[in-house]
Amino acid sequence: MKVTLTMLGLDNAGKTATVRVIKGENPEDVFPNVGFSAVGLKKGQVDLSIFDLGGTESFRDIWRHYFPESHGVIFVVDSSDVQRMQETRKVLAKVLGHPRVAGKPVLLLANKQDVNGALCEDDIIDRLSLEETVTLNKCYCQIVPCSAVKKVGKKAIKSGLDWLLKTVARDYDVISERVQKDTEEQREKEAVEMRERVERVRLIREERENREREEAEQEGRTTETEDEGNMANLFKPTGDINSEMGDKQKTNSELQITKTDADSCPEKKWKFWQWKKNRVGPLSSVSAKTPRRLMSGFKLFRRNAVAPL
């Protein structure tokens, strides 16, 4: 007979230590399981598989993927963590109310009974609303106070496991048929979700590629337009270029006052004389051979200098 069990509970409840007790190993110095681990062992005529699932809030959504294959559930409670009993109650009610779990046998292990201040069996039943929850979901349930690190507590865990396996064996045909049906439906559902996910990824990739292609085409057209404009300037008609050059020469000729213009008109002649008189010549190197030129320039500067106000 092959039986698969799922071990659940909040983080730090003692699930991994409980699995070690079932395997006959030392449960002390156990690191918390933040993910998933599978354990296989032989219990008499039973080929037993146990899924030890992490209990952190972020991992609890993964639990439902293991419900279809489970013949029963082991739910571990930290009896000493009174402040989280309300959270434990909500999580337990959600698990037992799941369509893949409702109606299957449940073993509730009230772990850490060796810790001072741990709740007794009756208090745990009351705080978890256990009777109402199991009755509503039609689950066979057994609560077992235990301690994974104490000898007496280890015997209690093994005793509770024996009860769970016997309960599963009693209705094994019905539970196995349900497990097979639920597993097939779950696989079909996951296959559909996988195809939908692949299709979404394909559409996203195709949309991104189309957008990149359109952006590349737009950039190419803009560059081509600019190049055409530059080439048009290179091949401008010669007449237009000559006209522009003529306009520039005409403007320059209007701004210049030449000696010929000055000779043809007395007024222009006077203006040319004033320009010639006040112009500044280019700088040149001064040598010791030209003292008179420097002196004449200095006299001219003094003659034309303006007295300060």
C-alpha atoms as a PDB file:
ATOM      1  CA  MET A   1       0.000   0.000   0.000  1.00  0.00           C
ATOM      2  CA  LYS A   2       1.391   3.401  -1.005  1.00  0.00           C
ATOM      3  CA  VAL A   3       0.462   6.376   1.126  1.00  0.00           C
ATOM      4  CA  THR A   4       1.420  10.025   0.715  1.00  0.00           C
ATOM      5  CA  LEU A   5       1.107  12.462   3.621  1.00  0.00           C
ATOM      6  CA  THR A   6       1.565  16.229   3.690  1.00  0.00           C
ATOM      7  CA  MET A   7       3.097  17.813   6.788  1.00  0.00           C
ATOM      8  CA  LEU A   8       1.948  21.392   7.366  1.00  0.00           C
ATOM      9  CA  GLY A   9       2.054  24.072  10.047  1.00  0.00           C
ATOM     10  CA  LEU A  10       3.377  27.561  10.719  1.00  0.00           C
ATOM     11  CA  ASP A  11       7.086  28.272  10.536  1.00  0.00           C
ATOM     12  CA  ASN A  12       9.039  27.191  13.630  1.00  0.00           C
ATOM     13  CA  ALA A  13       6.315  24.752  14.693  1.00  0.00           C
ATOM     14  CA  GLY A  14       8.719  21.789  14.622  1.00  0.00           C
ATOM     15  CA  LYS A  15       7.731  20.026  11.379  1.00  0.00           C
ATOM     16  CA  THR A  16      11.265  19.060  10.280  1.00  0.00           C
ATOM     17  CA  ALA A  17      12.135  17.795  13.775  1.00  0.00           C
ATOM     18  CA  THR A  18       8.961  15.692  13.706  1.00  0.00           C
ATOM     19  CA  VAL A  19       9.977  14.157  10.378  1.00  0.00           C
ATOM     20  CA  ARG A  20      13.333  13.203  11.882  1.00  0.00           C
ATOM     21  CA  VAL A  21      11.581  11.502  14.764  1.00  0.00           C
ATOM     22  CA  ILE A  22       9.501   9.494  12.295  1.00  0.00           C
ATOM     23  CA  LYS A  23      12.675   8.500  10.446  1.00  0.00           C
ATOM     24  CA  GLY A  24      14.378   7.522  13.713  1.00  0.00           C
ATOM     25  CA  GLU A  25      16.979  10.306  13.507  1.00  0.00           C
ATOM     26  CA  ASN A  26      18.136  12.908  16.020  1.00  0.00           C
ATOM     27  CA  PRO A  27      15.669  15.822  15.920  1.00  0.00           C
ATOM     28  CA  GLU A  28      17.979  18.313  17.672  1.00  0.00           C
ATOM     29  CA  ASP A  29      19.932  21.080  15.920  1.00  0.00           C
ATOM     30  CA  VAL A  30      17.498  21.179  13.016  1.00  0.00           C
ATOM     31  CA  PHE A  31      17.525  24.096  10.583  1.00  0.00           C
ATOM     32  CA  PRO A  32      14.086  25.434   9.581  1.00  0.00           C
ATOM     33  CA  ASN A  33      12.794  24.195   6.244  1.00  0.00           C
ATOM     34  CA  VAL A  34      12.006  27.237   4.104  1.00  0.00           C
ATOM     35  CA  GLY A  35      10.974  25.232   1.059  1.00  0.00           C
ATOM     36  CA  PHE A  36      10.132  21.616   0.364  1.00  0.00           C
ATOM     37  CA  SER A  37      11.615  18.244   1.236  1.00  0.00           C
ATOM     38  CA  ALA A  38      10.350  14.717   0.556  1.00  0.00           C
ATOM     39  CA  VAL A  39      10.904  11.741   2.818  1.00  0.00           C
ATOM     40  CA  GLY A  40      10.378   8.104   1.872  1.00  0.00           C
ATOM     41  CA  LEU A  41      10.345   5.194   4.336  1.00  0.00           C
ATOM     42  CA  LYS A  42       8.799   1.830   5.007  1.00  0.00           C
ATOM     43  CA  LYS A  43       6.222   1.418   7.807  1.00  0.00           C
ATOM     44  CA  GLY A  44       5.221  -2.245   7.947  1.00  0.00           C
ATOM     45  CA  GLN A  45       3.286  -2.950   4.745  1.00  0.00           C
ATOM     46  CA  VAL A  46       3.085   0.742   3.854  1.00  0.00           C
ATOM     47  CA  ASP A  47       5.377   2.585   1.424  1.00  0.00           C
ATOM     48  CA  LEU A  48       5.170   5.975   3.068  1.00  0.00           C
ATOM     49  CA  SER A  49       6.037   9.339   1.456  1.00  0.00           C
ATOM     50  CA  ILE A  50       5.923  12.549   3.478  1.00  0.00           C
ATOM     51  CA  PHE A  51       6.039  16.041   1.974  1.00  0.00           C
ATOM     52  CA  ASP A  52       7.586  18.426   4.513  1.00  0.00           C
ATOM     53  CA  LEU A  53       6.521  21.913   3.400  1.00  0.00           C
ATOM     54  CA  GLY A  54       7.861  25.219   4.689  1.00  0.00           C
ATOM     55  CA  GLY A  55       5.475  27.213   6.853  1.00  0.00           C
ATOM     56  CA  THR A  56       6.415  30.807   6.068  1.00  0.00           C
ATOM     57  CA  GLU A  57       3.560  32.992   4.905  1.00  0.00           C
ATOM     58  CA  SER A  58       5.107  33.469   1.462  1.00  0.00           C
ATOM     59  CA  PHE A  59       5.296  29.686   0.912  1.00  0.00           C
ATOM     60  CA  ARG A  60       1.797  28.724   2.072  1.00  0.00           C
ATOM     61  CA  ASP A  61       0.272  29.389  -1.331  1.00  0.00           C
ATOM     62  CA  ILE A  62       2.392  26.479  -2.622  1.00  0.00           C
ATOM     63  CA  TRP A  63       0.716  24.001  -0.264  1.00  0.00           C
ATOM     64  CA  ARG A  64      -2.324  23.576  -2.484  1.00  0.00           C
ATOM     65  CA  HIS A  65      -0.210  22.002  -5.234  1.00  0.00           C
ATOM     66  CA  TYR A  66       0.482  19.006  -2.949  1.00  0.00           C
ATOM     67  CA  PHE A  67      -3.074  18.470  -1.689  1.00  0.00           C
ATOM     68  CA  PRO A  68      -4.281  16.291  -4.604  1.00  0.00           C
ATOM     69  CA  GLU A  69      -1.627  13.599  -4.005  1.00  0.00           C
ATOM     70  CA  SER A  70      -2.147  13.470  -0.234  1.00  0.00           C
ATOM     71  CA  HIS A  71      -4.015  10.628   1.460  1.00  0.00           C
ATOM     72  CA  GLY A  72      -3.881  12.522   4.758  1.00  0.00           C
ATOM     73  CA  VAL A  73      -2.460  15.575   6.527  1.00  0.00           C
ATOM     74  CA  ILE A  74      -0.168  16.018   9.537  1.00  0.00           C
ATOM     75  CA  PHE A  75      -0.622  19.515  10.996  1.00  0.00           C
ATOM     76  CA  VAL A  76       2.004  20.553  13.591  1.00  0.00           C
ATOM     77  CA  VAL A  77       1.179  23.256  16.156  1.00  0.00           C
ATOM     78  CA  ASP A  78       3.617  25.066  18.443  1.00  0.00           C
ATOM     79  CA  SER A  79       1.796  24.740  21.788  1.00  0.00           C
ATOM     80  CA  SER A  80       4.083  27.289  23.442  1.00  0.00           C
ATOM     81  CA  ASP A  81       3.463  30.077  20.901  1.00  0.00           C
ATOM     82  CA  VAL A  82       0.244  31.443  22.388  1.00  0.00           C
ATOM     83  CA  GLN A  83       0.432  34.720  20.462  1.00  0.00           C
ATOM     84  CA  ARG A  84       0.155  32.944  17.089  1.00  0.00           C
ATOM     85  CA  MET A  85      -2.803  30.699  17.945  1.00  0.00           C
ATOM     86  CA  GLN A  86      -5.189  33.010  16.127  1.00  0.00           C
ATOM     87  CA  GLU A  87      -3.029  32.818  12.993  1.00  0.00           C
ATOM     88  CA  THR A  88      -2.789  29.035  13.387  1.00  0.00           C
ATOM     89  CA  ARG A  89      -6.562  28.765  13.626  1.00  0.00           C
ATOM     90  CA  LYS A  90      -7.074  30.668  10.354  1.00  0.00           C
ATOM     91  CA  VAL A  91      -4.434  28.634   8.510  1.00  0.00           C
ATOM     92  CA  LEU A  92      -5.839  25.312   9.769  1.00  0.00           C
ATOM     93  CA  ALA A  93      -9.388  26.268   8.794  1.00  0.00           C
ATOM     94  CA  LYS A  94      -8.199  27.237   5.313  1.00  0.00           C
ATOM     95  CA  VAL A  95      -6.330  23.945   4.856  1.00  0.00           C
ATOM     96  CA  LEU A  96      -9.185  21.694   6.032  1.00  0.00           C
ATOM     97  CA  GLY A  97     -11.673  23.690   3.976  1.00  0.00           C
ATOM     98  CA  HIS A  98      -9.762  23.173   0.720  1.00  0.00           C
ATOM     99  CA  PRO A  99     -11.663  20.905  -1.724  1.00  0.00           C
ATOM    100  CA  ARG A 100      -8.603  18.636  -2.118  1.00  0.00           C
ATOM    101  CA  VAL A 101      -8.300  18.140   1.681  1.00  0.00           C
ATOM    102  CA  ALA A 102     -11.852  18.186   3.027  1.00  0.00           C
ATOM    103  CA  GLY A 103     -12.945  14.669   4.072  1.00  0.00           C
ATOM    104  CA  LYS A 104      -9.392  13.305   4.442  1.00  0.00           C
ATOM    105  CA  PRO A 105      -7.981  12.249   7.864  1.00  0.00           C
ATOM    106  CA  VAL A 106      -5.914  14.798   9.809  1.00  0.00           C
ATOM    107  CA  LEU A 107      -3.392  14.261  12.603  1.00  0.00           C
ATOM    108  CA  LEU A 108      -2.841  17.381  14.717  1.00  0.00           C
ATOM    109  CA  LEU A 109       0.390  17.278  16.727  1.00  0.00           C
ATOM    110  CA  ALA A 110       0.462  19.714  19.671  1.00  0.00           C
ATOM    111  CA  ASN A 111       4.254  19.996  19.729  1.00  0.00           C
ATOM    112  CA  LYS A 112       6.634  21.565  22.298  1.00  0.00           C
ATOM    113  CA  GLN A 113       4.700  20.429  25.361  1.00  0.00           C
ATOM    114  CA  ASP A 114       8.028  20.474  27.253  1.00  0.00           C
ATOM    115  CA  VAL A 115       8.210  24.296  27.069  1.00  0.00           C
ATOM    116  CA  ASN A 116       6.956  26.273  30.077  1.00  0.00           C
ATOM    117  CA  GLY A 117       3.631  27.935  29.375  1.00  0.00           C
ATOM    118  CA  ALA A 118       2.623  25.520  26.613  1.00  0.00           C
ATOM    119  CA  LEU A 119      -1.134  25.135  26.157  1.00  0.00           C
ATOM    120  CA  CYS A 120      -2.743  21.848  27.114  1.00  0.00           C
ATOM    121  CA  GLU A 121      -4.874  19.768  24.783  1.00  0.00           C
ATOM    122  CA  ASP A 122      -8.222  21.271  25.809  1.00  0.00           C
ATOM    123  CA  ASP A 123      -6.946  24.859  25.440  1.00  0.00           C
ATOM    124  CA  ILE A 124      -5.619  24.116  21.967  1.00  0.00           C
ATOM    125  CA  ILE A 125      -8.912  22.565  20.878  1.00  0.00           C
ATOM    126  CA  ASP A 126     -10.742  25.629  22.160  1.00  0.00           C
ATOM    127  CA  ARG A 127      -8.390  28.236  20.682  1.00  0.00           C
ATOM    128  CA  LEU A 128      -8.306  26.549  17.260  1.00  0.00           C
ATOM    129  CA  SER A 129     -12.084  25.911  17.162  1.00  0.00           C
ATOM    130  CA  LEU A 130     -11.034  22.394  16.218  1.00  0.00           C
ATOM    131  CA  GLU A 131     -14.345  20.614  16.779  1.00  0.00           C
ATOM    132  CA  GLU A 132     -16.294  23.070  14.604  1.00  0.00           C
ATOM    133  CA  THR A 133     -13.692  23.030  11.846  1.00  0.00           C
ATOM    134  CA  VAL A 134     -13.385  19.236  11.498  1.00  0.00           C
ATOM    135  CA  THR A 135     -17.158  18.780  11.717  1.00  0.00           C
ATOM    136  CA  LEU A 136     -17.756  21.392   9.007  1.00  0.00           C
ATOM    137  CA  ASN A 137     -15.256  19.761   6.629  1.00  0.00           C
ATOM    138  CA  LYS A 138     -16.064  16.139   7.586  1.00  0.00           C
ATOM    139  CA  CYS A 139     -12.473  15.277   8.489  1.00  0.00           C
ATOM    140  CA  TYR A 140     -11.408  12.500  10.835  1.00  0.00           C
ATOM    141  CA  CYS A 141      -9.085  14.235  13.278  1.00  0.00           C
ATOM    142  CA  GLN A 142      -6.880  13.165  16.189  1.00  0.00           C
ATOM    143  CA  ILE A 143      -4.977  15.628  18.412  1.00  0.00           C
ATOM    144  CA  VAL A 144      -1.803  14.323  20.085  1.00  0.00           C
ATOM    145  CA  PRO A 145       0.225  16.371  22.628  1.00  0.00           C
ATOM    146  CA  CYS A 146       3.931  15.688  22.034  1.00  0.00           C
ATOM    147  CA  SER A 147       7.491  16.955  22.079  1.00  0.00           C
ATOM    148  CA  ALA A 148       9.869  16.131  19.254  1.00  0.00           C
ATOM    149  CA  VAL A 149      12.957  16.463  21.470  1.00  0.00           C
ATOM    150  CA  LYS A 150      11.742  14.366  24.420  1.00  0.00           C
ATOM    151  CA  LYS A 151      11.585  10.578  24.624  1.00  0.00           C
ATOM    152  CA  VAL A 152       7.959  10.482  25.733  1.00  0.00           C
ATOM    153  CA  GLY A 153       7.045  12.983  23.055  1.00  0.00           C
ATOM    154  CA  LYS A 154       8.672  10.858  20.355  1.00  0.00           C
ATOM    155  CA  LYS A 155       6.518   7.888  21.322  1.00  0.00           C
ATOM    156  CA  ALA A 156       3.441  10.099  21.103  1.00  0.00           C
ATOM    157  CA  ILE A 157       4.396  11.186  17.545  1.00  0.00           C
ATOM    158  CA  LYS A 158       4.846   7.603  16.402  1.00  0.00           C
ATOM    159  CA  SER A 159       1.553   6.632  18.064  1.00  0.00           C
ATOM    160  CA  GLY A 160      -0.250   9.459  16.249  1.00  0.00           C
ATOM    161  CA  LEU A 161       1.284   8.382  12.928  1.00  0.00           C
ATOM    162  CA  ASP A 162       0.049   4.829  13.463  1.00  0.00           C
ATOM    163  CA  TRP A 163      -3.479   6.150  13.993  1.00  0.00           C
ATOM    164  CA  LEU A 164      -3.319   8.176  10.778  1.00  0.00           C
ATOM    165  CA  LEU A 165      -2.066   5.249   8.686  1.00  0.00           C
ATOM    166  CA  LYS A 166      -4.778   2.951  10.083  1.00  0.00           C
ATOM    167  CA  THR A 167      -7.450   5.539   9.304  1.00  0.00           C
ATOM    168  CA  VAL A 168      -6.184   5.871   5.733  1.00  0.00           C
ATOM    169  CA  ALA A 169      -6.035   2.058   5.349  1.00  0.00           C
ATOM    170  CA  ARG A 170      -9.622   1.722   6.481  1.00  0.00           C
ATOM    171  CA  ASP A 171     -10.904   3.828   3.557  1.00  0.00           C
ATOM    172  CA  TYR A 172      -7.906   3.332   1.302  1.00  0.00           C
ATOM    173  CA  ASP A 173      -9.843   2.448  -1.880  1.00  0.00           C
ATOM    174  CA  VAL A 174     -12.088   5.486  -1.635  1.00  0.00           C
ATOM    175  CA  ILE A 175      -9.235   7.843  -0.765  1.00  0.00           C
ATOM    176  CA  SER A 176      -6.943   6.417  -3.488  1.00  0.00           C
ATOM    177  CA  GLU A 177      -9.634   6.843  -6.127  1.00  0.00           C
ATOM    178  CA  ARG A 178     -10.096  10.431  -5.030  1.00  0.00           C
ATOM    179  CA  VAL A 179      -6.332  11.018  -5.009  1.00  0.00           C
ATOM    180  CA  GLN A 180      -6.026   9.701  -8.554  1.00  0.00           C
ATOM    181  CA  LYS A 181      -8.904  11.845  -9.787  1.00  0.00           C
ATOM    182  CA  ASP A 182      -7.670  14.980  -8.027  1.00  0.00           C
ATOM    183  CA  THR A 183      -4.130  14.436  -9.316  1.00  0.00           C
ATOM    184  CA  GLU A 184      -5.275  14.112 -12.925  1.00  0.00           C
ATOM    185  CA  GLU A 185      -7.402  17.236 -12.653  1.00  0.00           C
ATOM    186  CA  GLN A 186      -4.543  19.121 -11.065  1.00  0.00           C
ATOM    187  CA  ARG A 187      -2.144  18.101 -13.835  1.00  0.00           C
ATOM    188  CA  GLU A 188      -4.623  19.125 -16.526  1.00  0.00           C
ATOM    189  CA  LYS A 189      -5.134  22.450 -14.792  1.00  0.00           C
ATOM    190  CA  GLU A 190      -1.390  23.024 -14.537  1.00  0.00           C
ATOM    191  CA  ALA A 191      -0.952  22.098 -18.208  1.00  0.00           C
ATOM    192  CA  VAL A 192      -3.593  24.655 -19.204  1.00  0.00           C
ATOM    193  CA  GLU A 193      -1.957  27.295 -17.022  1.00  0.00           C
ATOM    194  CA  MET A 194       1.405  26.484 -18.573  1.00  0.00           C
ATOM    195  CA  ARG A 195       0.047  26.877 -22.118  1.00  0.00           C
ATOM    196  CA  GLU A 196      -1.606  30.158 -21.184  1.00  0.00           C
ATOM    197  CA  ARG A 197       1.612  31.379 -19.615  1.00  0.00           C
ATOM    198  CA  VAL A 198       3.615  30.427 -22.718  1.00  0.00           C
ATOM    199  CA  GLU A 199       1.071  32.207 -24.924  1.00  0.00           C
ATOM    200  CA  ARG A 200       1.249  35.354 -22.798  1.00  0.00           C
ATOM    201  CA  VAL A 201       5.034  35.334 -23.021  1.00  0.00           C
ATOM    202  CA  ARG A 202       4.859  34.855 -26.801  1.00  0.00           C
ATOM    203  CA  LEU A 203       2.441  37.788 -27.219  1.00  0.00           C
ATOM    204  CA  ILE A 204       4.569  40.024 -25.026  1.00  0.00           C
ATOM    205  CA  ARG A 205       7.705  39.133 -26.985  1.00  0.00           C
ATOM    206  CA  GLU A 206       5.931  39.660 -30.321  1.00  0.00           C
ATOM    207  CA  GLU A 207       4.569  43.027 -29.214  1.00  0.00           C
ATOM    208  CA  ARG A 208       8.022  44.134 -28.075  1.00  0.00           C
ATOM    209  CA  GLU A 209       9.611  43.067 -31.357  1.00  0.00           C
ATOM    210  CA  ASN A 210       6.955  44.933 -33.387  1.00  0.00           C
ATOM    211  CA  ARG A 211       7.454  48.048 -31.306  1.00  0.00           C
ATOM    212  CA  GLU A 212      11.236  47.906 -31.753  1.00  0.00           C
ATOM    213  CA  ARG A 213      10.793  47.380 -35.488  1.00  0.00           C
ATOM    214  CA  GLU A 214       8.481  50.402 -35.785  1.00  0.00           C
ATOM    215  CA  GLU A 215      10.894  52.581 -33.800  1.00  0.00           C
ATOM    216  CA  ALA A 216      13.761  51.480 -36.013  1.00  0.00           C
ATOM    217  CA  GLU A 217      11.746  52.286 -39.165  1.00  0.00           C
ATOM    218  CA  GLN A 218      10.824  55.722 -37.818  1.00  0.00           C
ATOM    219  CA  GLU A 219      14.436  56.513 -36.991  1.00  0.00           C
ATOM    220  CA  GLY A 220      15.479  55.337 -40.456  1.00  0.00           C
ATOM    221  CA  ARG A 221      12.934  57.615 -42.173  1.00  0.00           C
ATOM    222  CA  THR A 222      14.042  60.613 -40.113  1.00  0.00           C
ATOM    223  CA  THR A 223      17.693  60.048 -41.030  1.00  0.00           C
ATOM    224  CA  GLU A 224      16.812  59.605 -44.674  1.00  0.00           C
ATOM    225  CA  THR A 225      14.856  62.898 -44.714  1.00  0.00           C
ATOM    226  CA  GLU A 226      17.769  64.785 -43.181  1.00  0.00           C
ATOM    227  CA  ASP A 227      20.185  63.292 -45.707  1.00  0.00           C
ATOM    228  CA  GLU A 228      17.891  64.289 -48.579  1.00  0.00           C
ATOM    229  CA  GLY A 229      17.803  67.862 -47.262  1.00  0.00           C
ATOM    230  CA  ASN A 230      21.585  68.001 -47.084  1.00  0.00           C
ATOM    231  CA  MET A 231      21.940  66.592 -50.601  1.00  0.00           C
ATOM    232  CA  ALA A 232      19.440  69.158 -51.871  1.00  0.00           C
ATOM    233  CA  ASN A 233      21.670  71.944 -50.579  1.00  0.00           C
ATOM    234  CA  LEU A 234      24.657  70.371 -52.332  1.00  0.00           C
ATOM    235  CA  PHE A 235      22.858  70.360 -55.683  1.00  0.00           C
ATOM    236  CA  LYS A 236      21.363  73.857 -55.473  1.00  0.00           C
ATOM    237  CA  PRO A 237      21.104  75.526 -58.939  1.00  0.00           C
ATOM    238  CA  THR A 238      24.104  77.596 -59.971  1.00  0.00           C
ATOM    239  CA  GLY A 239      21.949  80.629 -60.625  1.00  0.00           C
ATOM    240  CA  ASP A 240      20.765  80.680 -56.993  1.00  0.00           C
ATOM    241  CA  ILE A 241      24.318  80.400 -55.723  1.00  0.00           C
ATOM    242  CA  ASN A 242      25.514  83.253 -58.002  1.00  0.00           C
ATOM    243  CA  SER A 243      22.560  85.352 -56.888  1.00  0.00           C
ATOM    244  CA  GLU A 244      23.436  84.855 -53.245  1.00  0.00           C
ATOM    245  CA  MET A 245      27.086  85.693 -53.896  1.00  0.00           C
ATOM    246  CA  GLY A 246      26.095  88.806 -55.824  1.00  0.00           C
ATOM    247  CA  ASP A 247      23.898  89.966 -52.932  1.00  0.00           C
ATOM    248  CA  LYS A 248      26.784  89.506 -50.496  1.00  0.00           C
ATOM    249  CA  GLN A 249      29.178  91.429 -52.758  1.00  0.00           C
ATOM    250  CA  LYS A 250      26.627  94.182 -53.168  1.00  0.00           C
ATOM    251  CA  THR A 251      26.244  94.519 -49.427  1.00  0.00           C
ATOM    252  CA  ASN A 252      29.997  94.680 -48.929  1.00  0.00           C
ATOM    253  CA  SER A 253      30.416  97.295 -51.669  1.00  0.00           C
ATOM    254  CA  GLU A 254      27.759  99.496 -50.052  1.00  0.00           C
ATOM    255  CA  LEU A 255      29.639  99.409 -46.702  1.00  0.00           C
ATOM    256  CA  GLN A 256      33.035 100.285 -48.186  1.00  0.00           C
ATOM    257  CA  ILE A 257      34.220 103.759 -49.033  1.00  0.00           C
ATOM    258  CA  THR A 258      36.803 103.681 -51.757  1.00  0.00           C
ATOM    259  CA  LYS A 259      39.167 106.363 -52.993  1.00  0.00           C
ATOM    260  CA  THR A 260      37.486 106.427 -56.420  1.00  0.00           C
ATOM    261  CA  ASP A 261      34.119 107.265 -54.858  1.00  0.00           C
ATOM    262  CA  ALA A 262      35.782 109.936 -52.756  1.00  0.00           C
ATOM    263  CA  ASP A 263      37.346 111.594 -55.823  1.00  0.00           C
ATOM    264  CA  SER A 264      34.021 111.744 -57.679  1.00  0.00           C
ATOM    265  CA  CYS A 265      32.210 113.667 -54.932  1.00  0.00           C
ATOM    266  CA  PRO A 266      33.470 116.374 -52.537  1.00  0.00           C
ATOM    267  CA  GLU A 267      31.347 115.034 -49.673  1.00  0.00           C
ATOM    268  CA  LYS A 268      32.616 111.496 -50.160  1.00  0.00           C
ATOM    269  CA  LYS A 269      36.117 112.856 -50.471  1.00  0.00           C
ATOM    270  CA  TRP A 270      35.783 114.478 -47.042  1.00  0.00           C
ATOM    271  CA  LYS A 271      34.440 111.257 -45.524  1.00  0.00           C
ATOM    272  CA  PHE A 272      37.315 109.288 -47.024  1.00  0.00           C
ATOM    273  CA  TRP A 273      39.808 111.770 -45.587  1.00  0.00           C
ATOM    274  CA  GLN A 274      38.226 111.449 -42.119  1.00  0.00           C
ATOM    275  CA  TRP A 275      38.349 107.616 -42.346  1.00  0.00           C
ATOM    276  CA  LYS A 276      41.970 107.673 -43.499  1.00  0.00           C
ATOM    277  CA  LYS A 277      42.888 110.089 -40.750  1.00  0.00           C
ATOM    278  CA  ASN A 278      41.370 108.096 -37.846  1.00  0.00           C
ATOM    279  CA  ARG A 279      42.075 104.537 -39.007  1.00  0.00           C
ATOM    280  CA  VAL A 280      44.361 102.286 -36.995  1.00  0.00           C
ATOM    281  CA  GLY A 281      46.998 100.484 -38.936  1.00  0.00           C
ATOM    282  CA  PRO A 282      48.192  96.939 -38.263  1.00  0.00           C
ATOM    283  CA  LEU A 283      50.679  96.397 -35.464  1.00  0.00           C
ATOM    284  CA  SER A 284      54.268  95.964 -36.571  1.00  0.00           C
ATOM    285  CA  SER A 285      57.499  95.239 -34.818  1.00  0.00           C
ATOM    286  CA  VAL A 286      59.383  98.351 -33.702  1.00  0.00           C
ATOM    287  CA  SER A 287      63.138  98.415 -34.065  1.00  0.00           C
ATOM    288  CA  ALA A 288      65.794 100.790 -32.882  1.00  0.00           C
ATOM    289  CA  LYS A 289      66.178 102.169 -36.445  1.00  0.00           C
ATOM    290  CA  THR A 290      62.797 103.966 -36.437  1.00  0.00           C
ATOM    291  CA  PRO A 291      62.841 106.456 -33.549  1.00  0.00           C
ATOM    292  CA  ARG A 292      61.373 109.284 -35.662  1.00  0.00           C
ATOM    293  CA  ARG A 293      58.305 107.174 -36.544  1.00  0.00           C
ATOM    294  CA  LEU A 294      57.695 106.511 -32.872  1.00  0.00           C
ATOM    295  CA  MET A 295      58.117 110.189 -31.999  1.00  0.00           C
ATOM    296  CA  SER A 296      55.803 111.320 -34.792  1.00  0.00           C
ATOM    297  CA  GLY A 297      53.231 108.823 -33.612  1.00  0.00           C
ATOM    298  CA  PHE A 298      53.523 110.108 -30.077  1.00  0.00           C
ATOM    299  CA  LYS A 299      53.100 113.748 -31.300  1.00  0.00           C
ATOM    300  CA  LEU A 300      50.037 112.713 -33.306  1.00  0.00           C
ATOM    301  CA  PHE A 301      48.600 110.999 -30.228  1.00  0.00           C
ATOM    302  CA  ARG A 302      49.141 114.140 -28.132  1.00  0.00           C
ATOM    303  CA  ARG A 303      47.617 116.357 -30.789  1.00  0.00           C
ATOM    304  CA  ASN A 304      44.480 114.253 -31.076  1.00  0.00           C
ATOM    305  CA  ALA A 305      44.201 113.416 -27.373  1.00  0.00           C
ATOM    306  CA  VAL A 306      41.108 114.640 -25.554  1.00  0.00           C
ATOM    307  CA  ALA A 307      41.574 116.290 -22.186  1.00  0.00           C
ATOM    308  CA  PRO A 308      39.896 114.625 -19.266  1.00  0.00           C
ATOM    309  CA  LEU A 309      36.553 116.093 -18.103  1.00  0.00           C
END
